[in-house]
Protein backbone atom coordinates (compact mmCIF):
# COMPACT_ATOMS: atom_id res chain seq x y z
CA LEU A 1 37.00 -38.63 -37.22
CA ARG A 2 35.19 -35.33 -37.38
CA GLY A 3 32.07 -36.38 -39.27
CA LYS A 4 28.48 -36.62 -38.25
CA VAL A 5 27.31 -39.90 -36.69
CA LEU A 6 24.53 -41.17 -38.94
CA PRO A 7 21.50 -43.19 -37.80
CA VAL A 8 21.53 -46.96 -38.29
CA GLY A 9 18.83 -49.62 -38.45
CA GLY A 10 18.18 -52.65 -36.28
CA ILE A 11 18.93 -50.90 -32.98
CA LYS A 12 16.70 -53.18 -30.90
CA GLU A 13 18.36 -56.35 -32.20
CA LYS A 14 21.87 -54.92 -31.87
CA VAL A 15 21.28 -53.69 -28.31
CA LEU A 16 19.74 -57.01 -27.23
CA ALA A 17 22.73 -58.87 -28.67
CA ALA A 18 25.13 -56.53 -26.85
CA HIS A 19 23.19 -57.06 -23.62
CA ARG A 20 23.44 -60.86 -24.00
CA ALA A 21 27.20 -60.45 -24.54
CA GLY A 22 27.53 -58.53 -21.26
CA ILE A 23 28.01 -55.06 -22.73
CA ARG A 24 26.49 -52.41 -20.47
CA THR A 25 27.35 -49.13 -22.23
CA ILE A 26 25.85 -48.49 -25.65
CA LEU A 27 27.04 -45.70 -27.95
CA LEU A 28 24.23 -44.69 -30.31
CA PRO A 29 23.68 -42.00 -32.91
CA LYS A 30 21.56 -39.21 -31.40
CA GLU A 31 19.11 -39.63 -34.29
CA ASN A 32 18.37 -43.19 -33.05
CA GLU A 33 17.26 -41.98 -29.61
CA ALA A 34 13.60 -42.82 -30.32
CA ASP A 35 14.59 -46.44 -31.03
CA ILE A 36 15.53 -46.90 -27.36
CA ASP A 37 11.80 -47.08 -26.59
CA ASP A 38 11.60 -50.33 -28.62
CA ILE A 39 13.98 -52.07 -26.19
CA PRO A 40 12.25 -53.90 -23.31
CA GLN A 41 12.34 -51.86 -20.11
CA THR A 42 13.92 -54.72 -18.16
CA VAL A 43 16.92 -54.56 -20.51
CA ARG A 44 16.92 -50.75 -20.84
CA LYS A 45 17.28 -50.15 -17.12
CA THR A 46 20.47 -52.26 -16.98
CA LEU A 47 22.18 -50.29 -19.75
CA HIS A 48 23.84 -46.88 -20.06
CA PHE A 49 23.17 -45.13 -23.38
CA VAL A 50 25.53 -42.49 -24.74
CA LEU A 51 23.98 -40.51 -27.60
CA LEU A 52 26.45 -39.12 -30.12
CA GLU A 53 26.24 -36.48 -32.83
CA ARG A 54 29.88 -36.42 -33.99
CA ALA A 55 32.44 -39.20 -34.44
CA GLN A 56 34.90 -37.22 -32.30
CA GLU A 57 32.55 -37.67 -29.31
CA ALA A 58 32.82 -41.46 -29.58
CA LEU A 59 36.60 -41.26 -29.60
CA GLU A 60 36.66 -38.87 -26.64
CA TYR A 61 34.28 -41.09 -24.67
CA ALA A 62 36.29 -44.23 -25.39
CA LEU A 63 39.59 -42.62 -24.40
CA ALA A 64 38.16 -41.09 -21.22
CA LYS A 65 36.72 -44.46 -20.14
CA GLU A 66 39.98 -46.24 -20.91
CA GLN A 67 41.86 -44.06 -18.42
CA GLU A 68 39.48 -44.76 -15.51
């Protein structure tokens, strides 16, 4: 888990589905940051986005949150 986090497609649909499922923190590739603008503002303001460049960051974030 040391590689670069690559951009993915369908961010709007994936984030809206996560929102409907009650997920409030979204981990996204940094290169998909511009796709956040496609998400309706009413949904965007209820979510916390974490932008990642390396896979290690996702692991560190998940482990830090688990301990809280």
